[in-house]
Amino acid sequence: MSYLEARSNPRFCDIPVKMINFVALGSDAPDYVNNLQNRGYEVITVPRFSLLSEPVSRHCDMLFARVLDAVVINEKYSCSASSLTGAFNAAGYSIVTDNSEDFSKYPEEAKYNVLYHGGKIYGNKKCVSPVIVNIAEKNSIPLIHVNQGYAACSCAVCGEGIITADPSVFRVLTENSVSCLLISEGNIGINGYSFGFIGGASGYSPTDNTLYFCGDIKRHPDYKRISNFADSMGVSLFSLGDGPLFDIGGLAFFRAVSNNAR
């Protein structure tokens, strides 16, 4: 049963949330929707957030952050993204709102662009949302500083491992015993900037243990190294398009959980 079918069912409260799996991506990136649907995913396209600059206004890694079983999202944005918040609720996530209004420039615009991996949060402490900091403190989750404000965008989760082109992020992750692959910078397109990041051009789904790419990963100059690293992590790779990789703010895969973070 799909998420949309579940929502329309009068006995929705009796439907096991484990049946609900979906992926969120920007509403300006329709090219990948059919391939994701063919892989069995309900697709939720996210609307733009007017407080963010246009190139990143539909980027999932700029619009919300997932920590434990909670999703941190801007209060104003949540009111205009009912399909997205409805999907979060249907899958059992707690929605925790942030009322910040300063998204005018970097790094303030990257409040939610944190990497939650291996029981730790990685982000630039100068700009991480106070709501995320509060969740970390209440749940005794280490908040590790990285210089890169776009922490999530710069990292592709590959099972228990991480792929990044940022040397400073690579150093911090390896210092925290994370298996990490450092790749070359660039070779990823993005609107409005000179190049995008690997995390923004991909998304890892634990449901089928697959790292999905926006574009053709085989066209990246480090493809063989990425493929070998994925093999070592036991993760499959899947290209959603035929062109070069393109940063759309990442593919955010969700599967049902039980609530335990507030």
C-alpha atoms as a PDB file:
ATOM      1  CA  MET A   1       0.000   0.000   0.000  1.00  0.00           C
ATOM      2  CA  SER A   2       1.350   3.419  -0.919  1.00  0.00           C
ATOM      3  CA  TYR A   3       1.468   6.431   1.380  1.00  0.00           C
ATOM      4  CA  LEU A   4      -1.288   8.202  -0.556  1.00  0.00           C
ATOM      5  CA  GLU A   5      -3.525   5.126  -0.435  1.00  0.00           C
ATOM      6  CA  ALA A   6      -2.887   4.819   3.287  1.00  0.00           C
ATOM      7  CA  ARG A   7      -3.844   8.432   3.951  1.00  0.00           C
ATOM      8  CA  SER A   8      -7.200   7.981   2.201  1.00  0.00           C
ATOM      9  CA  ASN A   9      -8.044   4.813   4.117  1.00  0.00           C
ATOM     10  CA  PRO A  10     -10.539   5.429   6.966  1.00  0.00           C
ATOM     11  CA  ARG A  11      -8.766   2.740   8.987  1.00  0.00           C
ATOM     12  CA  PHE A  12      -5.377   4.397   8.489  1.00  0.00           C
ATOM     13  CA  CYS A  13      -4.584   4.228  12.200  1.00  0.00           C
ATOM     14  CA  ASP A  14      -4.729   0.426  11.981  1.00  0.00           C
ATOM     15  CA  ILE A  15      -2.311   0.207   9.047  1.00  0.00           C
ATOM     16  CA  PRO A  16       1.194  -0.820  10.136  1.00  0.00           C
ATOM     17  CA  VAL A  17       3.498   2.125   9.461  1.00  0.00           C
ATOM     18  CA  LYS A  18       6.170  -0.321   8.328  1.00  0.00           C
ATOM     19  CA  MET A  19       4.246  -0.503   5.045  1.00  0.00           C
ATOM     20  CA  ILE A  20       5.073   3.117   4.285  1.00  0.00           C
ATOM     21  CA  ASN A  21       8.319   3.981   2.462  1.00  0.00           C
ATOM     22  CA  PHE A  22       8.868   7.202   0.550  1.00  0.00           C
ATOM     23  CA  VAL A  23      11.538   9.459  -0.862  1.00  0.00           C
ATOM     24  CA  ALA A  24      11.486  13.256  -0.859  1.00  0.00           C
ATOM     25  CA  LEU A  25      13.154  15.365  -3.526  1.00  0.00           C
ATOM     26  CA  GLY A  26      12.884  18.854  -4.969  1.00  0.00           C
ATOM     27  CA  SER A  27       9.868  19.741  -7.080  1.00  0.00           C
ATOM     28  CA  ASP A  28      12.258  21.101  -9.735  1.00  0.00           C
ATOM     29  CA  ALA A  29      13.820  17.650 -10.283  1.00  0.00           C
ATOM     30  CA  PRO A  30      11.117  15.596 -12.033  1.00  0.00           C
ATOM     31  CA  ASP A  31      13.488  13.544 -14.169  1.00  0.00           C
ATOM     32  CA  TYR A  32      14.140  10.984 -11.448  1.00  0.00           C
ATOM     33  CA  VAL A  33      10.560  10.447 -10.258  1.00  0.00           C
ATOM     34  CA  ASN A  34       9.560   7.653 -12.646  1.00  0.00           C
ATOM     35  CA  ASN A  35      12.681   5.619 -11.971  1.00  0.00           C
ATOM     36  CA  LEU A  36      12.131   5.893  -8.218  1.00  0.00           C
ATOM     37  CA  GLN A  37       8.475   4.910  -8.570  1.00  0.00           C
ATOM     38  CA  ASN A  38       9.491   1.939 -10.686  1.00  0.00           C
ATOM     39  CA  ARG A  39      11.734   0.901  -7.816  1.00  0.00           C
ATOM     40  CA  GLY A  40       8.690   0.830  -5.528  1.00  0.00           C
ATOM     41  CA  TYR A  41       8.960   4.192  -3.775  1.00  0.00           C
ATOM     42  CA  GLU A  42       6.249   6.725  -3.132  1.00  0.00           C
ATOM     43  CA  VAL A  43       7.730  10.053  -4.246  1.00  0.00           C
ATOM     44  CA  ILE A  44       7.030  13.312  -2.431  1.00  0.00           C
ATOM     45  CA  THR A  45       8.191  16.435  -4.281  1.00  0.00           C
ATOM     46  CA  VAL A  46       8.935  19.328  -1.954  1.00  0.00           C
ATOM     47  CA  PRO A  47       7.867  22.911  -2.730  1.00  0.00           C
ATOM     48  CA  ARG A  48      10.219  25.895  -2.606  1.00  0.00           C
ATOM     49  CA  PHE A  49      10.919  27.786   0.597  1.00  0.00           C
ATOM     50  CA  SER A  50      10.726  31.521  -0.043  1.00  0.00           C
ATOM     51  CA  LEU A  51      13.321  32.434   2.609  1.00  0.00           C
ATOM     52  CA  LEU A  52      16.072  30.464   0.863  1.00  0.00           C
ATOM     53  CA  SER A  53      17.911  31.659  -2.237  1.00  0.00           C
ATOM     54  CA  GLU A  54      16.304  30.319  -5.409  1.00  0.00           C
ATOM     55  CA  PRO A  55      19.013  27.794  -6.420  1.00  0.00           C
ATOM     56  CA  VAL A  56      18.631  25.858  -3.143  1.00  0.00           C
ATOM     57  CA  SER A  57      15.032  26.712  -2.252  1.00  0.00           C
ATOM     58  CA  ARG A  58      13.847  23.170  -3.071  1.00  0.00           C
ATOM     59  CA  HIS A  59      16.853  21.290  -1.697  1.00  0.00           C
ATOM     60  CA  CYS A  60      15.864  18.743   0.941  1.00  0.00           C
ATOM     61  CA  ASP A  61      19.199  19.089   2.742  1.00  0.00           C
ATOM     62  CA  MET A  62      18.415  22.799   3.239  1.00  0.00           C
ATOM     63  CA  LEU A  63      14.763  22.321   4.197  1.00  0.00           C
ATOM     64  CA  PHE A  64      14.825  19.778   7.012  1.00  0.00           C
ATOM     65  CA  ALA A  65      17.076  17.555   9.105  1.00  0.00           C
ATOM     66  CA  ARG A  66      16.464  14.062  10.400  1.00  0.00           C
ATOM     67  CA  VAL A  67      17.846  13.062  13.804  1.00  0.00           C
ATOM     68  CA  LEU A  68      16.777   9.800  15.444  1.00  0.00           C
ATOM     69  CA  ASP A  69      13.034   9.579  14.772  1.00  0.00           C
ATOM     70  CA  ALA A  70      12.532  13.338  14.574  1.00  0.00           C
ATOM     71  CA  VAL A  71      12.462  15.702  11.621  1.00  0.00           C
ATOM     72  CA  VAL A  72      13.420  19.324  12.252  1.00  0.00           C
ATOM     73  CA  ILE A  73      11.730  21.686   9.822  1.00  0.00           C
ATOM     74  CA  ASN A  74      11.061  25.414   9.685  1.00  0.00           C
ATOM     75  CA  GLU A  75       7.645  26.291  11.083  1.00  0.00           C
ATOM     76  CA  LYS A  76       6.768  28.678   8.266  1.00  0.00           C
ATOM     77  CA  TYR A  77       7.854  26.198   5.615  1.00  0.00           C
ATOM     78  CA  SER A  78       5.953  23.320   7.201  1.00  0.00           C
ATOM     79  CA  CYS A  79       2.691  25.197   6.649  1.00  0.00           C
ATOM     80  CA  SER A  80       3.254  25.191   2.886  1.00  0.00           C
ATOM     81  CA  ALA A  81       4.571  21.622   2.672  1.00  0.00           C
ATOM     82  CA  SER A  82       1.589  19.613   3.907  1.00  0.00           C
ATOM     83  CA  SER A  83       2.290  16.594   1.675  1.00  0.00           C
ATOM     84  CA  LEU A  84       5.787  16.373   3.120  1.00  0.00           C
ATOM     85  CA  THR A  85       4.791  16.769   6.761  1.00  0.00           C
ATOM     86  CA  GLY A  86       1.886  14.377   6.209  1.00  0.00           C
ATOM     87  CA  ALA A  87       4.331  11.784   4.940  1.00  0.00           C
ATOM     88  CA  PHE A  88       6.556  12.318   7.983  1.00  0.00           C
ATOM     89  CA  ASN A  89       3.583  11.777  10.275  1.00  0.00           C
ATOM     90  CA  ALA A  90       2.401   8.721   8.371  1.00  0.00           C
ATOM     91  CA  ALA A  91       5.819   7.113   8.704  1.00  0.00           C
ATOM     92  CA  GLY A  92       5.898   7.741  12.455  1.00  0.00           C
ATOM     93  CA  TYR A  93       8.331  10.656  12.662  1.00  0.00           C
ATOM     94  CA  SER A  94       8.059  13.428  15.217  1.00  0.00           C
ATOM     95  CA  ILE A  95       7.959  16.850  13.583  1.00  0.00           C
ATOM     96  CA  VAL A  96       9.896  19.459  15.543  1.00  0.00           C
ATOM     97  CA  THR A  97       9.562  23.002  14.221  1.00  0.00           C
ATOM     98  CA  ASP A  98      12.135  25.774  14.195  1.00  0.00           C
ATOM     99  CA  ASN A  99      10.942  29.379  13.951  1.00  0.00           C
ATOM    100  CA  SER A 100      14.156  30.864  12.526  1.00  0.00           C
ATOM    101  CA  GLU A 101      13.726  33.460   9.790  1.00  0.00           C
ATOM    102  CA  ASP A 102      17.332  34.316   8.882  1.00  0.00           C
ATOM    103  CA  PHE A 103      18.247  32.320   5.783  1.00  0.00           C
ATOM    104  CA  SER A 104      19.717  35.264   3.894  1.00  0.00           C
ATOM    105  CA  LYS A 105      23.259  34.001   3.374  1.00  0.00           C
ATOM    106  CA  TYR A 106      25.798  31.288   4.133  1.00  0.00           C
ATOM    107  CA  PRO A 107      26.247  29.860   6.719  1.00  0.00           C
ATOM    108  CA  GLU A 108      22.920  30.935   8.272  1.00  0.00           C
ATOM    109  CA  GLU A 109      21.001  29.335   5.399  1.00  0.00           C
ATOM    110  CA  ALA A 110      22.483  25.922   6.292  1.00  0.00           C
ATOM    111  CA  LYS A 111      20.739  25.540   9.670  1.00  0.00           C
ATOM    112  CA  TYR A 112      19.437  22.063   8.887  1.00  0.00           C
ATOM    113  CA  ASN A 113      22.292  20.872   6.681  1.00  0.00           C
ATOM    114  CA  VAL A 114      23.732  18.427   9.203  1.00  0.00           C
ATOM    115  CA  LEU A 115      24.862  14.833   8.815  1.00  0.00           C
ATOM    116  CA  TYR A 116      23.419  12.376  11.336  1.00  0.00           C
ATOM    117  CA  HIS A 117      25.463   9.224  11.043  1.00  0.00           C
ATOM    118  CA  GLY A 118      26.639   6.504  13.390  1.00  0.00           C
ATOM    119  CA  GLY A 119      24.879   8.029  16.390  1.00  0.00           C
ATOM    120  CA  LYS A 120      26.578  11.423  15.969  1.00  0.00           C
ATOM    121  CA  ILE A 121      25.633  14.739  14.389  1.00  0.00           C
ATOM    122  CA  TYR A 122      28.190  16.481  12.188  1.00  0.00           C
ATOM    123  CA  GLY A 123      27.707  20.149  11.366  1.00  0.00           C
ATOM    124  CA  ASN A 124      29.107  23.648  11.610  1.00  0.00           C
ATOM    125  CA  LYS A 125      28.281  24.744  15.142  1.00  0.00           C
ATOM    126  CA  LYS A 126      28.186  28.376  14.015  1.00  0.00           C
ATOM    127  CA  CYS A 127      24.979  27.779  12.097  1.00  0.00           C
ATOM    128  CA  VAL A 128      23.323  24.554  13.321  1.00  0.00           C
ATOM    129  CA  SER A 129      19.718  25.162  14.358  1.00  0.00           C
ATOM    130  CA  PRO A 130      19.255  25.527  18.140  1.00  0.00           C
ATOM    131  CA  VAL A 131      16.446  22.982  17.810  1.00  0.00           C
ATOM    132  CA  ILE A 132      18.917  20.391  16.540  1.00  0.00           C
ATOM    133  CA  VAL A 133      21.332  21.301  19.323  1.00  0.00           C
ATOM    134  CA  ASN A 134      18.528  20.810  21.850  1.00  0.00           C
ATOM    135  CA  ILE A 135      17.643  17.372  20.459  1.00  0.00           C
ATOM    136  CA  ALA A 136      21.304  16.402  20.608  1.00  0.00           C
ATOM    137  CA  GLU A 137      21.629  17.499  24.226  1.00  0.00           C
ATOM    138  CA  LYS A 138      18.398  15.834  25.371  1.00  0.00           C
ATOM    139  CA  ASN A 139      19.339  12.550  23.736  1.00  0.00           C
ATOM    140  CA  SER A 140      23.065  12.655  24.608  1.00  0.00           C
ATOM    141  CA  ILE A 141      24.035  12.718  20.936  1.00  0.00           C
ATOM    142  CA  PRO A 142      27.534  14.077  20.273  1.00  0.00           C
ATOM    143  CA  LEU A 143      27.502  17.176  18.054  1.00  0.00           C
ATOM    144  CA  ILE A 144      30.783  17.187  16.146  1.00  0.00           C
ATOM    145  CA  HIS A 145      31.984  20.425  14.539  1.00  0.00           C
ATOM    146  CA  VAL A 146      33.007  20.484  10.884  1.00  0.00           C
ATOM    147  CA  ASN A 147      34.049  23.622   9.030  1.00  0.00           C
ATOM    148  CA  GLN A 148      31.783  22.795   6.107  1.00  0.00           C
ATOM    149  CA  GLY A 149      28.372  24.384   6.641  1.00  0.00           C
ATOM    150  CA  TYR A 150      26.784  22.105   4.050  1.00  0.00           C
ATOM    151  CA  ALA A 151      27.720  18.980   6.006  1.00  0.00           C
ATOM    152  CA  ALA A 152      24.905  16.771   4.726  1.00  0.00           C
ATOM    153  CA  CYS A 153      25.230  17.991   1.158  1.00  0.00           C
ATOM    154  CA  SER A 154      28.958  17.261   1.099  1.00  0.00           C
ATOM    155  CA  CYS A 155      28.506  13.635   2.181  1.00  0.00           C
ATOM    156  CA  ALA A 156      26.969  10.656   0.416  1.00  0.00           C
ATOM    157  CA  VAL A 157      25.923   8.026   2.929  1.00  0.00           C
ATOM    158  CA  CYS A 158      26.982   4.580   1.741  1.00  0.00           C
ATOM    159  CA  GLY A 159      25.659   2.179   4.352  1.00  0.00           C
ATOM    160  CA  GLU A 160      27.991   2.569   7.324  1.00  0.00           C
ATOM    161  CA  GLY A 161      30.455   4.532   5.195  1.00  0.00           C
ATOM    162  CA  ILE A 162      30.631   8.060   3.798  1.00  0.00           C
ATOM    163  CA  ILE A 163      31.811   9.452   0.455  1.00  0.00           C
ATOM    164  CA  THR A 164      32.951  13.094   0.376  1.00  0.00           C
ATOM    165  CA  ALA A 165      35.124  15.481  -1.622  1.00  0.00           C
ATOM    166  CA  ASP A 166      35.753  17.769   1.371  1.00  0.00           C
ATOM    167  CA  PRO A 167      39.165  17.081   3.002  1.00  0.00           C
ATOM    168  CA  SER A 168      38.162  18.730   6.295  1.00  0.00           C
ATOM    169  CA  VAL A 169      35.003  16.622   6.566  1.00  0.00           C
ATOM    170  CA  PHE A 170      36.985  13.525   5.598  1.00  0.00           C
ATOM    171  CA  ARG A 171      39.471  14.218   8.397  1.00  0.00           C
ATOM    172  CA  VAL A 172      36.796  14.673  11.073  1.00  0.00           C
ATOM    173  CA  LEU A 173      34.894  11.571   9.991  1.00  0.00           C
ATOM    174  CA  THR A 174      37.991   9.374   9.978  1.00  0.00           C
ATOM    175  CA  GLU A 175      38.942  10.746  13.401  1.00  0.00           C
ATOM    176  CA  ASN A 176      35.537   9.492  14.551  1.00  0.00           C
ATOM    177  CA  SER A 177      36.174   6.004  13.143  1.00  0.00           C
ATOM    178  CA  VAL A 178      33.883   6.365  10.122  1.00  0.00           C
ATOM    179  CA  SER A 179      34.883   4.449   6.986  1.00  0.00           C
ATOM    180  CA  CYS A 180      35.265   7.244   4.467  1.00  0.00           C
ATOM    181  CA  LEU A 181      36.250   7.695   0.822  1.00  0.00           C
ATOM    182  CA  LEU A 182      37.751  11.012  -0.326  1.00  0.00           C
ATOM    183  CA  ILE A 183      36.946  11.757  -3.968  1.00  0.00           C
ATOM    184  CA  SER A 184      37.905  14.595  -6.301  1.00  0.00           C
ATOM    185  CA  GLU A 185      36.111  17.923  -6.065  1.00  0.00           C
ATOM    186  CA  GLY A 186      33.725  19.026  -8.794  1.00  0.00           C
ATOM    187  CA  ASN A 187      32.310  17.013 -11.689  1.00  0.00           C
ATOM    188  CA  ILE A 188      28.801  17.543 -10.292  1.00  0.00           C
ATOM    189  CA  GLY A 189      26.418  20.115 -11.738  1.00  0.00           C
ATOM    190  CA  ILE A 190      24.166  22.473  -9.782  1.00  0.00           C
ATOM    191  CA  ASN A 191      22.047  25.516 -10.553  1.00  0.00           C
ATOM    192  CA  GLY A 192      23.554  28.844  -9.494  1.00  0.00           C
ATOM    193  CA  TYR A 193      26.981  27.617  -8.371  1.00  0.00           C
ATOM    194  CA  SER A 194      30.207  26.444  -9.982  1.00  0.00           C
ATOM    195  CA  PHE A 195      29.811  22.841  -8.837  1.00  0.00           C
ATOM    196  CA  GLY A 196      27.673  20.683  -6.587  1.00  0.00           C
ATOM    197  CA  PHE A 197      28.354  18.120  -3.869  1.00  0.00           C
ATOM    198  CA  ILE A 198      28.122  14.329  -3.909  1.00  0.00           C
ATOM    199  CA  GLY A 199      25.573  14.208  -1.079  1.00  0.00           C
ATOM    200  CA  GLY A 200      23.299  16.591  -2.931  1.00  0.00           C
ATOM    201  CA  ALA A 201      23.486  14.375  -5.992  1.00  0.00           C
ATOM    202  CA  SER A 202      22.578  11.145  -4.235  1.00  0.00           C
ATOM    203  CA  GLY A 203      20.617   9.410  -1.512  1.00  0.00           C
ATOM    204  CA  TYR A 204      21.007   6.173   0.421  1.00  0.00           C
ATOM    205  CA  SER A 205      18.009   3.918   0.992  1.00  0.00           C
ATOM    206  CA  PRO A 206      18.336   1.407   3.843  1.00  0.00           C
ATOM    207  CA  THR A 207      15.195  -0.309   2.549  1.00  0.00           C
ATOM    208  CA  ASP A 208      17.056  -1.886  -0.362  1.00  0.00           C
ATOM    209  CA  ASN A 209      20.592  -0.995   0.779  1.00  0.00           C
ATOM    210  CA  THR A 210      21.176   1.065  -2.354  1.00  0.00           C
ATOM    211  CA  LEU A 211      22.907   4.384  -3.007  1.00  0.00           C
ATOM    212  CA  TYR A 212      20.929   6.215  -5.683  1.00  0.00           C
ATOM    213  CA  PHE A 213      22.494   8.888  -7.879  1.00  0.00           C
ATOM    214  CA  CYS A 214      20.941  11.850  -9.691  1.00  0.00           C
ATOM    215  CA  GLY A 215      22.540  11.153 -13.038  1.00  0.00           C
ATOM    216  CA  ASP A 216      24.907   8.413 -14.143  1.00  0.00           C
ATOM    217  CA  ILE A 217      27.544   7.582 -11.528  1.00  0.00           C
ATOM    218  CA  LYS A 218      29.620   5.853 -14.216  1.00  0.00           C
ATOM    219  CA  ARG A 219      30.309   9.283 -15.738  1.00  0.00           C
ATOM    220  CA  HIS A 220      32.081  10.477 -12.586  1.00  0.00           C
ATOM    221  CA  PRO A 221      35.896  10.275 -12.876  1.00  0.00           C
ATOM    222  CA  ASP A 222      36.099   8.449  -9.530  1.00  0.00           C
ATOM    223  CA  TYR A 223      33.449   5.888 -10.423  1.00  0.00           C
ATOM    224  CA  LYS A 224      35.705   2.854 -10.017  1.00  0.00           C
ATOM    225  CA  ARG A 225      36.855   3.982  -6.566  1.00  0.00           C
ATOM    226  CA  ILE A 226      33.273   4.742  -5.565  1.00  0.00           C
ATOM    227  CA  SER A 227      32.123   1.354  -6.841  1.00  0.00           C
ATOM    228  CA  ASN A 228      34.885  -0.471  -4.972  1.00  0.00           C
ATOM    229  CA  PHE A 229      34.088   1.441  -1.783  1.00  0.00           C
ATOM    230  CA  ALA A 230      30.382   0.623  -2.101  1.00  0.00           C
ATOM    231  CA  ASP A 231      31.267  -3.042  -2.583  1.00  0.00           C
ATOM    232  CA  SER A 232      33.314  -2.948   0.616  1.00  0.00           C
ATOM    233  CA  MET A 233      30.285  -1.509   2.419  1.00  0.00           C
ATOM    234  CA  GLY A 234      27.954  -4.102   0.876  1.00  0.00           C
ATOM    235  CA  VAL A 235      25.948  -1.356  -0.850  1.00  0.00           C
ATOM    236  CA  SER A 236      24.507  -1.395  -4.386  1.00  0.00           C
ATOM    237  CA  LEU A 237      24.708   1.617  -6.719  1.00  0.00           C
ATOM    238  CA  PHE A 238      21.861   2.775  -8.962  1.00  0.00           C
ATOM    239  CA  SER A 239      21.880   5.613 -11.508  1.00  0.00           C
ATOM    240  CA  LEU A 240      18.578   7.450 -11.945  1.00  0.00           C
ATOM    241  CA  GLY A 241      19.629   9.268 -15.113  1.00  0.00           C
ATOM    242  CA  ASP A 242      21.948   9.178 -18.104  1.00  0.00           C
ATOM    243  CA  GLY A 243      23.692  12.546 -17.744  1.00  0.00           C
ATOM    244  CA  PRO A 244      26.424  13.813 -15.421  1.00  0.00           C
ATOM    245  CA  LEU A 245      25.668  13.873 -11.700  1.00  0.00           C
ATOM    246  CA  PHE A 246      23.544  16.843 -10.618  1.00  0.00           C
ATOM    247  CA  ASP A 247      23.067  18.299  -7.143  1.00  0.00           C
ATOM    248  CA  ILE A 248      19.348  18.638  -6.341  1.00  0.00           C
ATOM    249  CA  GLY A 249      19.768  18.773  -2.561  1.00  0.00           C
ATOM    250  CA  GLY A 250      19.797  15.031  -2.170  1.00  0.00           C
ATOM    251  CA  LEU A 251      17.252  12.237  -2.154  1.00  0.00           C
ATOM    252  CA  ALA A 252      15.800  11.837   1.341  1.00  0.00           C
ATOM    253  CA  PHE A 253      14.611   8.261   1.855  1.00  0.00           C
ATOM    254  CA  PHE A 254      12.288   7.500   4.755  1.00  0.00           C
ATOM    255  CA  ARG A 255      10.899   4.288   6.163  1.00  0.00           C
ATOM    256  CA  ALA A 256       8.620   3.798   9.129  1.00  0.00           C
ATOM    257  CA  VAL A 257       9.935   4.295  12.649  1.00  0.00           C
ATOM    258  CA  SER A 258       8.695   4.559  16.218  1.00  0.00           C
ATOM    259  CA  ASN A 259       8.866   7.962  17.885  1.00  0.00           C
ATOM    260  CA  ASN A 260      11.513   8.557  20.534  1.00  0.00           C
ATOM    261  CA  ALA A 261      13.026  11.993  19.910  1.00  0.00           C
ATOM    262  CA  ARG A 262      11.427  15.292  20.879  1.00  0.00           C
END
